[in-house]
């Protein structure tokens, strides 16, 4: 199953997914608490881990990491939320985990 198929299965019609560069994507999930977004991210991560793509005589396996944050009322732009999500993304990578809440 391709990554786009995994996202379609896990996201709602009102959610928006955008590729922001390389292998980085942003998922905008309106009216969703951070805890629920963490559950969605974990569900997507698990689906990615068990999926594969046929490649020549083998299968390509991959993993995914997520940084989850909320857009706060004092954010003047989406950039500050993206910075928090990016920081949340790299904390678990350094620790060998897969997801982290914002600090």
PDB file of N, CA and C in Angstrom:
ATOM      1  N   UNK A   1       0.848  -1.171   0.000  1.00  0.00           N
ATOM      2  CA  UNK A   1       0.000   0.000   0.000  1.00  0.00           C
ATOM      3  C   UNK A   1       0.899   1.242   0.000  1.00  0.00           C
ATOM      4  N   UNK A   2       0.628   2.202  -0.858  1.00  0.00           N
ATOM      5  CA  UNK A   2       1.416   3.431  -0.946  1.00  0.00           C
ATOM      6  C   UNK A   2       1.069   4.367   0.204  1.00  0.00           C
ATOM      7  N   UNK A   3       1.987   5.290   0.485  1.00  0.00           N
ATOM      8  CA  UNK A   3       1.793   6.226   1.585  1.00  0.00           C
ATOM      9  C   UNK A   3       0.495   7.022   1.426  1.00  0.00           C
ATOM     10  N   UNK A   4       0.209   7.473   0.226  1.00  0.00           N
ATOM     11  CA  UNK A   4      -1.032   8.227  -0.009  1.00  0.00           C
ATOM     12  C   UNK A   4      -2.261   7.398   0.337  1.00  0.00           C
ATOM     13  N   UNK A   5      -2.225   6.116   0.033  1.00  0.00           N
ATOM     14  CA  UNK A   5      -3.348   5.242   0.375  1.00  0.00           C
ATOM     15  C   UNK A   5      -3.504   5.111   1.882  1.00  0.00           C
ATOM     16  N   UNK A   6      -2.387   5.017   2.578  1.00  0.00           N
ATOM     17  CA  UNK A   6      -2.432   4.931   4.048  1.00  0.00           C
ATOM     18  C   UNK A   6      -3.036   6.205   4.615  1.00  0.00           C
ATOM     19  N   UNK A   7      -2.622   7.354   4.098  1.00  0.00           N
ATOM     20  CA  UNK A   7      -3.163   8.620   4.586  1.00  0.00           C
ATOM     21  C   UNK A   7      -4.660   8.723   4.302  1.00  0.00           C
ATOM     22  N   UNK A   8      -5.079   8.361   3.111  1.00  0.00           N
ATOM     23  CA  UNK A   8      -6.502   8.427   2.761  1.00  0.00           C
ATOM     24  C   UNK A   8      -7.341   7.586   3.714  1.00  0.00           C
ATOM     25  N   UNK A   9      -6.805   6.425   4.092  1.00  0.00           N
ATOM     26  CA  UNK A   9      -7.534   5.519   4.986  1.00  0.00           C
ATOM     27  C   UNK A   9      -7.639   6.102   6.399  1.00  0.00           C
ATOM     28  N   UNK A  10      -6.645   6.876   6.812  1.00  0.00           N
ATOM     29  CA  UNK A  10      -6.578   7.347   8.194  1.00  0.00           C
ATOM     30  C   UNK A  10      -7.115   8.752   8.414  1.00  0.00           C
ATOM     31  N   UNK A  11      -7.203   9.538   7.361  1.00  0.00           N
ATOM     32  CA  UNK A  11      -7.602  10.926   7.507  1.00  0.00           C
ATOM     33  C   UNK A  11      -9.078  11.113   7.159  1.00  0.00           C
ATOM     34  N   UNK A  12      -9.670  12.156   7.716  1.00  0.00           N
ATOM     35  CA  UNK A  12     -11.055  12.498   7.411  1.00  0.00           C
ATOM     36  C   UNK A  12     -11.104  13.348   6.139  1.00  0.00           C
ATOM     37  N   UNK A  13     -12.278  13.475   5.552  1.00  0.00           N
ATOM     38  CA  UNK A  13     -12.437  14.291   4.345  1.00  0.00           C
ATOM     39  C   UNK A  13     -12.084  15.754   4.593  1.00  0.00           C
ATOM     40  N   UNK A  14     -12.289  16.248   5.810  1.00  0.00           N
ATOM     41  CA  UNK A  14     -12.009  17.656   6.118  1.00  0.00           C
ATOM     42  C   UNK A  14     -10.539  17.918   6.426  1.00  0.00           C
ATOM     43  N   UNK A  15      -9.737  16.872   6.613  1.00  0.00           N
ATOM     44  CA  UNK A  15      -8.318  17.034   6.902  1.00  0.00           C
ATOM     45  C   UNK A  15      -7.560  17.355   5.615  1.00  0.00           C
ATOM     46  N   UNK A  16      -6.442  18.034   5.770  1.00  0.00           N
ATOM     47  CA  UNK A  16      -5.622  18.414   4.620  1.00  0.00           C
ATOM     48  C   UNK A  16      -4.205  17.880   4.839  1.00  0.00           C
ATOM     49  N   UNK A  17      -3.660  17.257   3.802  1.00  0.00           N
ATOM     50  CA  UNK A  17      -2.292  16.764   3.835  1.00  0.00           C
ATOM     51  C   UNK A  17      -1.525  17.463   2.719  1.00  0.00           C
ATOM     52  N   UNK A  18      -0.340  17.986   3.038  1.00  0.00           N
ATOM     53  CA  UNK A  18       0.473  18.653   2.029  1.00  0.00           C
ATOM     54  C   UNK A  18       1.932  18.239   2.193  1.00  0.00           C
ATOM     55  N   UNK A  19       2.586  18.019   1.081  1.00  0.00           N
ATOM     56  CA  UNK A  19       4.017  17.743   1.101  1.00  0.00           C
ATOM     57  C   UNK A  19       4.723  19.086   1.159  1.00  0.00           C
ATOM     58  N   UNK A  20       5.601  19.257   2.149  1.00  0.00           N
ATOM     59  CA  UNK A  20       6.291  20.533   2.316  1.00  0.00           C
ATOM     60  C   UNK A  20       7.755  20.457   1.900  1.00  0.00           C
ATOM     61  N   UNK A  21       8.200  19.285   1.496  1.00  0.00           N
ATOM     62  CA  UNK A  21       9.560  19.159   1.008  1.00  0.00           C
ATOM     63  C   UNK A  21      10.112  17.790   1.289  1.00  0.00           C
ATOM     64  N   UNK A  22      10.891  17.294   0.343  1.00  0.00           N
ATOM     65  CA  UNK A  22      11.530  15.997   0.534  1.00  0.00           C
ATOM     66  C   UNK A  22      10.560  14.941   0.985  1.00  0.00           C
ATOM     67  N   UNK A  23      10.810  14.421   2.157  1.00  0.00           N
ATOM     68  CA  UNK A  23       9.957  13.387   2.731  1.00  0.00           C
ATOM     69  C   UNK A  23       9.120  13.932   3.883  1.00  0.00           C
ATOM     70  N   UNK A  24       8.874  15.237   3.885  1.00  0.00           N
ATOM     71  CA  UNK A  24       8.133  15.865   4.973  1.00  0.00           C
ATOM     72  C   UNK A  24       6.738  16.280   4.511  1.00  0.00           C
ATOM     73  N   UNK A  25       5.769  15.947   5.351  1.00  0.00           N
ATOM     74  CA  UNK A  25       4.378  16.263   5.068  1.00  0.00           C
ATOM     75  C   UNK A  25       3.782  16.975   6.277  1.00  0.00           C
ATOM     76  N   UNK A  26       2.792  17.803   6.027  1.00  0.00           N
ATOM     77  CA  UNK A  26       2.024  18.455   7.083  1.00  0.00           C
ATOM     78  C   UNK A  26       0.596  17.950   6.966  1.00  0.00           C
ATOM     79  N   UNK A  27       0.025  17.599   8.109  1.00  0.00           N
ATOM     80  CA  UNK A  27      -1.372  17.175   8.149  1.00  0.00           C
ATOM     81  C   UNK A  27      -2.124  18.176   9.018  1.00  0.00           C
ATOM     82  N   UNK A  28      -3.086  18.859   8.444  1.00  0.00           N
ATOM     83  CA  UNK A  28      -3.919  19.800   9.167  1.00  0.00           C
ATOM     84  C   UNK A  28      -5.214  19.102   9.524  1.00  0.00           C
ATOM     85  N   UNK A  29      -5.443  18.970  10.819  1.00  0.00           N
ATOM     86  CA  UNK A  29      -6.621  18.259  11.307  1.00  0.00           C
ATOM     87  C   UNK A  29      -7.428  19.221  12.172  1.00  0.00           C
ATOM     88  N   UNK A  30      -8.422  19.866  11.573  1.00  0.00           N
ATOM     89  CA  UNK A  30      -9.207  20.862  12.288  1.00  0.00           C
ATOM     90  C   UNK A  30     -10.035  20.208  13.393  1.00  0.00           C
ATOM     91  N   UNK A  31     -10.281  20.986  14.431  1.00  0.00           N
ATOM     92  CA  UNK A  31     -11.098  20.549  15.559  1.00  0.00           C
ATOM     93  C   UNK A  31     -10.677  19.181  16.091  1.00  0.00           C
ATOM     94  N   UNK A  32      -9.366  19.004  16.220  1.00  0.00           N
ATOM     95  CA  UNK A  32      -8.812  17.748  16.710  1.00  0.00           C
ATOM     96  C   UNK A  32      -7.856  18.057  17.853  1.00  0.00           C
ATOM     97  N   UNK A  33      -8.072  17.450  18.996  1.00  0.00           N
ATOM     98  CA  UNK A  33      -7.179  17.637  20.139  1.00  0.00           C
ATOM     99  C   UNK A  33      -5.833  16.970  19.844  1.00  0.00           C
ATOM    100  N   UNK A  34      -4.798  17.467  20.505  1.00  0.00           N
ATOM    101  CA  UNK A  34      -3.456  16.917  20.303  1.00  0.00           C
ATOM    102  C   UNK A  34      -3.425  15.429  20.600  1.00  0.00           C
ATOM    103  N   UNK A  35      -4.103  15.001  21.650  1.00  0.00           N
ATOM    104  CA  UNK A  35      -4.112  13.568  21.995  1.00  0.00           C
ATOM    105  C   UNK A  35      -4.703  12.726  20.866  1.00  0.00           C
ATOM    106  N   UNK A  36      -5.799  13.206  20.258  1.00  0.00           N
ATOM    107  CA  UNK A  36      -6.402  12.470  19.147  1.00  0.00           C
ATOM    108  C   UNK A  36      -5.469  12.474  17.943  1.00  0.00           C
ATOM    109  N   UNK A  37      -4.818  13.595  17.681  1.00  0.00           N
ATOM    110  CA  UNK A  37      -3.853  13.667  16.579  1.00  0.00           C
ATOM    111  C   UNK A  37      -2.697  12.696  16.808  1.00  0.00           C
ATOM    112  N   UNK A  38      -2.290  12.542  18.062  1.00  0.00           N
ATOM    113  CA  UNK A  38      -1.239  11.570  18.390  1.00  0.00           C
ATOM    114  C   UNK A  38      -1.707  10.159  18.058  1.00  0.00           C
ATOM    115  N   UNK A  39      -2.960   9.854  18.348  1.00  0.00           N
ATOM    116  CA  UNK A  39      -3.504   8.520  18.022  1.00  0.00           C
ATOM    117  C   UNK A  39      -3.528   8.293  16.510  1.00  0.00           C
ATOM    118  N   UNK A  40      -3.921   9.321  15.767  1.00  0.00           N
ATOM    119  CA  UNK A  40      -3.937   9.204  14.305  1.00  0.00           C
ATOM    120  C   UNK A  40      -2.513   8.988  13.794  1.00  0.00           C
ATOM    121  N   UNK A  41      -1.563   9.768  14.302  1.00  0.00           N
ATOM    122  CA  UNK A  41      -0.167   9.625  13.881  1.00  0.00           C
ATOM    123  C   UNK A  41       0.348   8.223  14.182  1.00  0.00           C
ATOM    124  N   UNK A  42       0.017   7.697  15.324  1.00  0.00           N
ATOM    125  CA  UNK A  42       0.459   6.344  15.688  1.00  0.00           C
ATOM    126  C   UNK A  42      -0.177   5.289  14.795  1.00  0.00           C
ATOM    127  N   UNK A  43      -1.448   5.478  14.469  1.00  0.00           N
ATOM    128  CA  UNK A  43      -2.126   4.539  13.569  1.00  0.00           C
ATOM    129  C   UNK A  43      -1.468   4.558  12.182  1.00  0.00           C
ATOM    130  N   UNK A  44      -1.155   5.749  11.684  1.00  0.00           N
ATOM    131  CA  UNK A  44      -0.486   5.866  10.389  1.00  0.00           C
ATOM    132  C   UNK A  44       0.899   5.233  10.464  1.00  0.00           C
ATOM    133  N   UNK A  45       1.628   5.491  11.546  1.00  0.00           N
ATOM    134  CA  UNK A  45       2.968   4.926  11.710  1.00  0.00           C
ATOM    135  C   UNK A  45       2.927   3.405  11.662  1.00  0.00           C
ATOM    136  N   UNK A  46       1.959   2.817  12.359  1.00  0.00           N
ATOM    137  CA  UNK A  46       1.836   1.360  12.370  1.00  0.00           C
ATOM    138  C   UNK A  46       1.490   0.822  10.985  1.00  0.00           C
ATOM    139  N   UNK A  47       0.605   1.515  10.281  1.00  0.00           N
ATOM    140  CA  UNK A  47       0.251   1.083   8.925  1.00  0.00           C
ATOM    141  C   UNK A  47       1.440   1.164   7.982  1.00  0.00           C
ATOM    142  N   UNK A  48       2.265   2.185   8.143  1.00  0.00           N
ATOM    143  CA  UNK A  48       3.464   2.332   7.308  1.00  0.00           C
ATOM    144  C   UNK A  48       4.430   1.181   7.566  1.00  0.00           C
ATOM    145  N   UNK A  49       4.650   0.860   8.831  1.00  0.00           N
ATOM    146  CA  UNK A  49       5.622  -0.175   9.199  1.00  0.00           C
ATOM    147  C   UNK A  49       5.264  -1.535   8.608  1.00  0.00           C
ATOM    148  N   UNK A  50       3.996  -1.864   8.544  1.00  0.00           N
ATOM    149  CA  UNK A  50       3.608  -3.187   8.043  1.00  0.00           C
ATOM    150  C   UNK A  50       3.375  -3.204   6.529  1.00  0.00           C
ATOM    151  N   UNK A  51       3.495  -2.051   5.885  1.00  0.00           N
ATOM    152  CA  UNK A  51       3.281  -2.002   4.437  1.00  0.00           C
ATOM    153  C   UNK A  51       4.614  -2.126   3.700  1.00  0.00           C
ATOM    154  N   UNK A  52       4.529  -2.398   2.421  1.00  0.00           N
ATOM    155  CA  UNK A  52       5.730  -2.454   1.587  1.00  0.00           C
ATOM    156  C   UNK A  52       5.335  -2.218   0.139  1.00  0.00           C
ATOM    157  N   UNK A  53       6.323  -1.874  -0.661  1.00  0.00           N
ATOM    158  CA  UNK A  53       6.123  -1.692  -2.087  1.00  0.00           C
ATOM    159  C   UNK A  53       7.012  -2.666  -2.839  1.00  0.00           C
ATOM    160  N   UNK A  54       6.482  -3.313  -3.864  1.00  0.00           N
ATOM    161  CA  UNK A  54       7.332  -4.211  -4.651  1.00  0.00           C
ATOM    162  C   UNK A  54       8.414  -3.404  -5.377  1.00  0.00           C
ATOM    163  N   UNK A  55       9.630  -3.894  -5.310  1.00  0.00           N
ATOM    164  CA  UNK A  55      10.765  -3.220  -5.946  1.00  0.00           C
ATOM    165  C   UNK A  55      11.689  -4.280  -6.523  1.00  0.00           C
ATOM    166  N   UNK A  56      11.722  -4.377  -7.843  1.00  0.00           N
ATOM    167  CA  UNK A  56      12.518  -5.403  -8.531  1.00  0.00           C
ATOM    168  C   UNK A  56      12.143  -6.770  -7.974  1.00  0.00           C
ATOM    169  N   UNK A  57      13.116  -7.461  -7.368  1.00  0.00           N
ATOM    170  CA  UNK A  57      12.853  -8.801  -6.833  1.00  0.00           C
ATOM    171  C   UNK A  57      12.683  -8.803  -5.319  1.00  0.00           C
ATOM    172  N   UNK A  58      12.403  -7.648  -4.745  1.00  0.00           N
ATOM    173  CA  UNK A  58      12.246  -7.550  -3.302  1.00  0.00           C
ATOM    174  C   UNK A  58      11.089  -6.600  -2.987  1.00  0.00           C
ATOM    175  N   UNK A  59      10.929  -6.250  -1.745  1.00  0.00           N
ATOM    176  CA  UNK A  59       9.930  -5.285  -1.322  1.00  0.00           C
ATOM    177  C   UNK A  59      10.615  -4.190  -0.514  1.00  0.00           C
ATOM    178  N   UNK A  60      10.198  -2.956  -0.743  1.00  0.00           N
ATOM    179  CA  UNK A  60      10.715  -1.806  -0.018  1.00  0.00           C
ATOM    180  C   UNK A  60       9.881  -1.616   1.243  1.00  0.00           C
ATOM    181  N   UNK A  61      10.539  -1.600   2.386  1.00  0.00           N
ATOM    182  CA  UNK A  61       9.884  -1.340   3.671  1.00  0.00           C
ATOM    183  C   UNK A  61      10.357   0.016   4.178  1.00  0.00           C
ATOM    184  N   UNK A  62       9.512   0.720   4.918  1.00  0.00           N
ATOM    185  CA  UNK A  62       9.894   2.025   5.430  1.00  0.00           C
ATOM    186  C   UNK A  62       9.269   2.259   6.786  1.00  0.00           C
ATOM    187  N   UNK A  63       9.651   3.362   7.409  1.00  0.00           N
ATOM    188  CA  UNK A  63       9.090   3.767   8.689  1.00  0.00           C
ATOM    189  C   UNK A  63       8.642   5.221   8.579  1.00  0.00           C
ATOM    190  N   UNK A  64       8.006   5.723   9.611  1.00  0.00           N
ATOM    191  CA  UNK A  64       7.568   7.115   9.640  1.00  0.00           C
ATOM    192  C   UNK A  64       7.734   7.653  11.054  1.00  0.00           C
ATOM    193  N   UNK A  65       8.038   8.931  11.152  1.00  0.00           N
ATOM    194  CA  UNK A  65       8.108   9.635  12.437  1.00  0.00           C
ATOM    195  C   UNK A  65       7.190  10.839  12.357  1.00  0.00           C
ATOM    196  N   UNK A  66       6.628  11.235  13.489  1.00  0.00           N
ATOM    197  CA  UNK A  66       5.675  12.332  13.517  1.00  0.00           C
ATOM    198  C   UNK A  66       5.991  13.314  14.628  1.00  0.00           C
ATOM    199  N   UNK A  67       5.774  14.571  14.351  1.00  0.00           N
ATOM    200  CA  UNK A  67       5.800  15.634  15.359  1.00  0.00           C
ATOM    201  C   UNK A  67       4.412  16.238  15.370  1.00  0.00           C
ATOM    202  N   UNK A  68       3.773  16.251  16.516  1.00  0.00           N
ATOM    203  CA  UNK A  68       2.383  16.712  16.620  1.00  0.00           C
ATOM    204  C   UNK A  68       2.342  17.973  17.462  1.00  0.00           C
ATOM    205  N   UNK A  69       1.605  18.960  17.008  1.00  0.00           N
ATOM    206  CA  UNK A  69       1.403  20.191  17.768  1.00  0.00           C
ATOM    207  C   UNK A  69       0.035  20.757  17.430  1.00  0.00           C
ATOM    208  N   UNK A  70      -0.333  21.789  18.151  1.00  0.00           N
ATOM    209  CA  UNK A  70      -1.601  22.478  17.894  1.00  0.00           C
ATOM    210  C   UNK A  70      -1.301  23.919  17.510  1.00  0.00           C
ATOM    211  N   UNK A  71      -2.179  24.493  16.732  1.00  0.00           N
ATOM    212  CA  UNK A  71      -2.094  25.910  16.416  1.00  0.00           C
ATOM    213  C   UNK A  71      -2.706  26.654  17.597  1.00  0.00           C
ATOM    214  N   UNK A  72      -1.888  27.435  18.278  1.00  0.00           N
ATOM    215  CA  UNK A  72      -2.330  28.141  19.483  1.00  0.00           C
ATOM    216  C   UNK A  72      -2.894  29.516  19.146  1.00  0.00           C
ATOM    217  N   UNK A  73      -3.699  30.055  20.034  1.00  0.00           N
ATOM    218  CA  UNK A  73      -4.311  31.362  19.795  1.00  0.00           C
ATOM    219  C   UNK A  73      -3.282  32.481  19.703  1.00  0.00           C
ATOM    220  N   UNK A  74      -2.103  32.304  20.301  1.00  0.00           N
ATOM    221  CA  UNK A  74      -1.079  33.342  20.220  1.00  0.00           C
ATOM    222  C   UNK A  74      -0.106  33.138  19.057  1.00  0.00           C
ATOM    223  N   UNK A  75      -0.335  32.150  18.206  1.00  0.00           N
ATOM    224  CA  UNK A  75       0.476  31.964  17.001  1.00  0.00           C
ATOM    225  C   UNK A  75       0.047  33.012  15.971  1.00  0.00           C
ATOM    226  N   UNK A  76       1.016  33.781  15.488  1.00  0.00           N
ATOM    227  CA  UNK A  76       0.704  34.801  14.488  1.00  0.00           C
ATOM    228  C   UNK A  76       0.785  34.252  13.073  1.00  0.00           C
ATOM    229  N   UNK A  77       1.359  33.074  12.935  1.00  0.00           N
ATOM    230  CA  UNK A  77       1.422  32.414  11.635  1.00  0.00           C
ATOM    231  C   UNK A  77       1.544  30.917  11.864  1.00  0.00           C
ATOM    232  N   UNK A  78       1.409  30.174  10.802  1.00  0.00           N
ATOM    233  CA  UNK A  78       1.551  28.728  10.883  1.00  0.00           C
ATOM    234  C   UNK A  78       3.012  28.349  11.159  1.00  0.00           C
ATOM    235  N   UNK A  79       3.934  29.237  10.832  1.00  0.00           N
ATOM    236  CA  UNK A  79       5.365  28.940  10.990  1.00  0.00           C
ATOM    237  C   UNK A  79       5.730  28.527  12.406  1.00  0.00           C
ATOM    238  N   UNK A  80       5.180  29.194  13.408  1.00  0.00           N
ATOM    239  CA  UNK A  80       5.531  28.838  14.784  1.00  0.00           C
ATOM    240  C   UNK A  80       5.042  27.436  15.132  1.00  0.00           C
ATOM    241  N   UNK A  81       3.871  27.063  14.642  1.00  0.00           N
ATOM    242  CA  UNK A  81       3.373  25.705  14.873  1.00  0.00           C
ATOM    243  C   UNK A  81       4.252  24.693  14.151  1.00  0.00           C
ATOM    244  N   UNK A  82       4.688  25.017  12.944  1.00  0.00           N
ATOM    245  CA  UNK A  82       5.565  24.104  12.202  1.00  0.00           C
ATOM    246  C   UNK A  82       6.902  23.923  12.903  1.00  0.00           C
ATOM    247  N   UNK A  83       7.426  24.975  13.516  1.00  0.00           N
ATOM    248  CA  UNK A  83       8.670  24.865  14.277  1.00  0.00           C
ATOM    249  C   UNK A  83       8.467  23.919  15.467  1.00  0.00           C
ATOM    250  N   UNK A  84       7.344  24.062  16.179  1.00  0.00           N
ATOM    251  CA  UNK A  84       7.063  23.163  17.304  1.00  0.00           C
ATOM    252  C   UNK A  84       6.919  21.716  16.830  1.00  0.00           C
ATOM    253  N   UNK A  85       6.231  21.528  15.729  1.00  0.00           N
ATOM    254  CA  UNK A  85       6.057  20.171  15.202  1.00  0.00           C
ATOM    255  C   UNK A  85       7.402  19.588  14.796  1.00  0.00           C
ATOM    256  N   UNK A  86       8.257  20.399  14.195  1.00  0.00           N
ATOM    257  CA  UNK A  86       9.582  19.934  13.789  1.00  0.00           C
ATOM    258  C   UNK A  86      10.412  19.528  15.004  1.00  0.00           C
ATOM    259  N   UNK A  87      10.357  20.328  16.048  1.00  0.00           N
ATOM    260  CA  UNK A  87      11.070  19.978  17.288  1.00  0.00           C
ATOM    261  C   UNK A  87      10.515  18.689  17.886  1.00  0.00           C
ATOM    262  N   UNK A  88       9.193  18.567  17.877  1.00  0.00           N
ATOM    263  CA  UNK A  88       8.566  17.349  18.408  1.00  0.00           C
ATOM    264  C   UNK A  88       8.949  16.135  17.572  1.00  0.00           C
ATOM    265  N   UNK A  89       9.147  16.328  16.285  1.00  0.00           N
ATOM    266  CA  UNK A  89       9.533  15.234  15.398  1.00  0.00           C
ATOM    267  C   UNK A  89      10.926  14.715  15.721  1.00  0.00           C
ATOM    268  N   UNK A  90      11.863  15.612  15.972  1.00  0.00           N
ATOM    269  CA  UNK A  90      13.245  15.180  16.154  1.00  0.00           C
ATOM    270  C   UNK A  90      13.554  14.662  17.547  1.00  0.00           C
ATOM    271  N   UNK A  91      12.766  15.029  18.560  1.00  0.00           N
ATOM    272  CA  UNK A  91      12.991  14.481  19.910  1.00  0.00           C
ATOM    273  C   UNK A  91      12.911  12.962  19.920  1.00  0.00           C
ATOM    274  N   UNK A  92      11.835  12.362  19.384  1.00  0.00           N
ATOM    275  CA  UNK A  92      11.782  10.894  19.434  1.00  0.00           C
ATOM    276  C   UNK A  92      12.814  10.240  18.524  1.00  0.00           C
ATOM    277  N   UNK A  93      13.152  10.880  17.418  1.00  0.00           N
ATOM    278  CA  UNK A  93      14.170  10.294  16.539  1.00  0.00           C
ATOM    279  C   UNK A  93      15.489  10.148  17.281  1.00  0.00           C
ATOM    280  N   UNK A  94      15.846  11.169  18.050  1.00  0.00           N
ATOM    281  CA  UNK A  94      17.092  11.111  18.819  1.00  0.00           C
ATOM    282  C   UNK A  94      17.022  10.036  19.895  1.00  0.00           C
ATOM    283  N   UNK A  95      15.818   9.805  20.415  1.00  0.00           N
ATOM    284  CA  UNK A  95      15.645   8.826  21.486  1.00  0.00           C
ATOM    285  C   UNK A  95      15.325   7.432  20.950  1.00  0.00           C
ATOM    286  N   UNK A  96      15.149   7.314  19.618  1.00  0.00           N
ATOM    287  CA  UNK A  96      14.837   6.018  19.025  1.00  0.00           C
ATOM    288  C   UNK A  96      13.361   5.682  19.056  1.00  0.00           C
ATOM    289  N   UNK A  97      12.507   6.642  19.409  1.00  0.00           N
ATOM    290  CA  UNK A  97      11.064   6.417  19.440  1.00  0.00           C
ATOM    291  C   UNK A  97      10.456   6.926  18.135  1.00  0.00           C
ATOM    292  N   UNK A  98       9.114   7.051  18.093  1.00  0.00           N
ATOM    293  CA  UNK A  98       8.460   7.395  16.836  1.00  0.00           C
ATOM    294  C   UNK A  98       7.539   8.600  16.896  1.00  0.00           C
ATOM    295  N   UNK A  99       7.102   9.039  18.053  1.00  0.00           N
ATOM    296  CA  UNK A  99       6.197  10.196  18.118  1.00  0.00           C
ATOM    297  C   UNK A  99       6.404  10.942  19.423  1.00  0.00           C
ATOM    298  N   UNK A 100       6.104  12.228  19.398  1.00  0.00           N
ATOM    299  CA  UNK A 100       6.310  13.049  20.575  1.00  0.00           C
ATOM    300  C   UNK A 100       5.316  14.200  20.580  1.00  0.00           C
ATOM    301  N   UNK A 101       4.856  14.563  21.774  1.00  0.00           N
ATOM    302  CA  UNK A 101       3.999  15.718  21.928  1.00  0.00           C
ATOM    303  C   UNK A 101       4.860  16.977  22.008  1.00  0.00           C
ATOM    304  N   UNK A 102       4.285  18.158  21.688  1.00  0.00           N
ATOM    305  CA  UNK A 102       5.039  19.403  21.780  1.00  0.00           C
ATOM    306  C   UNK A 102       5.351  19.749  23.225  1.00  0.00           C
ATOM    307  N   UNK A 103       6.424  20.503  23.406  1.00  0.00           N
ATOM    308  CA  UNK A 103       6.771  21.018  24.750  1.00  0.00           C
ATOM    309  C   UNK A 103       6.700  22.518  24.736  1.00  0.00           C
TER     310      UNK A 103
END
